[in-house]
Amino acid sequence: MNRYTKNPDDLSEMEIKVLIGTCKGLSSTEIARFVYRSHRAVEKCRTVLYRKFYVTNKMELIKVAGKLFKLV
């Protein structure tokens, strides 16, 4: 059993956008411009993603996202 969710439907629209931006290597400020939020809101959303996927940093989050969306 995987330690993270396998269902992208468990993610909000904001979380998906932040996840995509993170995978593209964008900073919190750059993602914030894209989703029309503050950079702090993006950082908070990324923290929620860390908890949902049981990871502690961006690289782990990107790795999990790759598996979730079958990018790797």
C-alpha atoms as a PDB file:
ATOM      1  CA  MET A   1       0.000   0.000   0.000  1.00  0.00           C
ATOM      2  CA  ASN A   2       1.341   3.409  -0.911  1.00  0.00           C
ATOM      3  CA  ARG A   3       1.731   5.985   1.800  1.00  0.00           C
ATOM      4  CA  TYR A   4       0.161   8.734  -0.280  1.00  0.00           C
ATOM      5  CA  THR A   5      -3.156   9.225  -1.960  1.00  0.00           C
ATOM      6  CA  LYS A   6      -3.558   7.668  -5.385  1.00  0.00           C
ATOM      7  CA  ASN A   7      -6.612   9.697  -6.276  1.00  0.00           C
ATOM      8  CA  PRO A   8      -5.994  13.144  -7.790  1.00  0.00           C
ATOM      9  CA  ASP A   9      -9.648  13.895  -6.996  1.00  0.00           C
ATOM     10  CA  ASP A  10      -8.593  14.157  -3.336  1.00  0.00           C
ATOM     11  CA  LEU A  11      -6.772  17.390  -4.215  1.00  0.00           C
ATOM     12  CA  SER A  12      -8.369  20.810  -4.499  1.00  0.00           C
ATOM     13  CA  GLU A  13      -7.987  22.901  -7.639  1.00  0.00           C
ATOM     14  CA  MET A  14      -5.539  25.180  -5.807  1.00  0.00           C
ATOM     15  CA  GLU A  15      -3.478  22.204  -4.619  1.00  0.00           C
ATOM     16  CA  ILE A  16      -3.254  20.841  -8.156  1.00  0.00           C
ATOM     17  CA  LYS A  17      -2.115  24.216  -9.501  1.00  0.00           C
ATOM     18  CA  VAL A  18       0.490  24.574  -6.755  1.00  0.00           C
ATOM     19  CA  LEU A  19       1.671  21.015  -7.389  1.00  0.00           C
ATOM     20  CA  ILE A  20       2.028  21.671 -11.119  1.00  0.00           C
ATOM     21  CA  GLY A  21       3.874  24.931 -10.494  1.00  0.00           C
ATOM     22  CA  THR A  22       6.203  23.222  -8.036  1.00  0.00           C
ATOM     23  CA  CYS A  23       6.938  20.462 -10.548  1.00  0.00           C
ATOM     24  CA  LYS A  24       7.756  23.119 -13.153  1.00  0.00           C
ATOM     25  CA  GLY A  25      10.289  24.609 -10.736  1.00  0.00           C
ATOM     26  CA  LEU A  26       8.397  27.846 -10.099  1.00  0.00           C
ATOM     27  CA  SER A  27       8.905  29.792  -6.885  1.00  0.00           C
ATOM     28  CA  SER A  28       6.056  30.500  -4.477  1.00  0.00           C
ATOM     29  CA  THR A  29       5.871  34.067  -5.792  1.00  0.00           C
ATOM     30  CA  GLU A  30       5.652  32.890  -9.418  1.00  0.00           C
ATOM     31  CA  ILE A  31       2.949  30.351  -8.566  1.00  0.00           C
ATOM     32  CA  ALA A  32       1.085  33.045  -6.596  1.00  0.00           C
ATOM     33  CA  ARG A  33       0.874  35.229  -9.708  1.00  0.00           C
ATOM     34  CA  PHE A  34      -0.500  32.273 -11.662  1.00  0.00           C
ATOM     35  CA  VAL A  35      -3.224  31.384  -9.113  1.00  0.00           C
ATOM     36  CA  TYR A  36      -3.984  34.991  -8.070  1.00  0.00           C
ATOM     37  CA  ARG A  37      -3.088  34.441  -4.408  1.00  0.00           C
ATOM     38  CA  SER A  38      -0.332  35.622  -2.079  1.00  0.00           C
ATOM     39  CA  HIS A  39       2.951  33.765  -1.898  1.00  0.00           C
ATOM     40  CA  ARG A  40       2.101  32.885   1.730  1.00  0.00           C
ATOM     41  CA  ALA A  41      -1.126  31.193   0.575  1.00  0.00           C
ATOM     42  CA  VAL A  42       0.929  29.148  -1.887  1.00  0.00           C
ATOM     43  CA  GLU A  43       3.418  28.189   0.829  1.00  0.00           C
ATOM     44  CA  LYS A  44       0.559  27.168   3.131  1.00  0.00           C
ATOM     45  CA  CYS A  45      -0.977  25.087   0.337  1.00  0.00           C
ATOM     46  CA  ARG A  46       2.390  23.417  -0.301  1.00  0.00           C
ATOM     47  CA  THR A  47       2.607  22.593   3.418  1.00  0.00           C
ATOM     48  CA  VAL A  48      -0.799  20.920   3.180  1.00  0.00           C
ATOM     49  CA  LEU A  49       0.478  18.921   0.189  1.00  0.00           C
ATOM     50  CA  TYR A  50       3.524  17.839   2.217  1.00  0.00           C
ATOM     51  CA  ARG A  51       1.184  16.502   4.896  1.00  0.00           C
ATOM     52  CA  LYS A  52      -1.147  14.789   2.416  1.00  0.00           C
ATOM     53  CA  PHE A  53       1.754  13.000   0.729  1.00  0.00           C
ATOM     54  CA  TYR A  54       3.871  12.427   3.864  1.00  0.00           C
ATOM     55  CA  VAL A  55       6.899  14.256   2.447  1.00  0.00           C
ATOM     56  CA  THR A  56       9.179  16.901   3.916  1.00  0.00           C
ATOM     57  CA  ASN A  57      10.566  18.840   0.956  1.00  0.00           C
ATOM     58  CA  LYS A  58       9.929  19.928  -2.639  1.00  0.00           C
ATOM     59  CA  MET A  59      11.989  17.170  -4.242  1.00  0.00           C
ATOM     60  CA  GLU A  60      10.021  14.451  -2.458  1.00  0.00           C
ATOM     61  CA  LEU A  61       6.780  16.204  -3.425  1.00  0.00           C
ATOM     62  CA  ILE A  62       7.852  16.296  -7.084  1.00  0.00           C
ATOM     63  CA  LYS A  63       8.758  12.599  -6.971  1.00  0.00           C
ATOM     64  CA  VAL A  64       5.370  11.670  -5.509  1.00  0.00           C
ATOM     65  CA  ALA A  65       3.576  13.897  -8.038  1.00  0.00           C
ATOM     66  CA  GLY A  66       5.426  12.117 -10.836  1.00  0.00           C
ATOM     67  CA  LYS A  67       4.141   8.769  -9.589  1.00  0.00           C
ATOM     68  CA  LEU A  68       0.638  10.088  -8.946  1.00  0.00           C
ATOM     69  CA  PHE A  69       0.278  11.545 -12.421  1.00  0.00           C
ATOM     70  CA  LYS A  70       2.390   8.784 -13.993  1.00  0.00           C
ATOM     71  CA  LEU A  71       5.121  11.148 -15.156  1.00  0.00           C
ATOM     72  CA  VAL A  72       7.874   8.653 -14.235  1.00  0.00           C
END
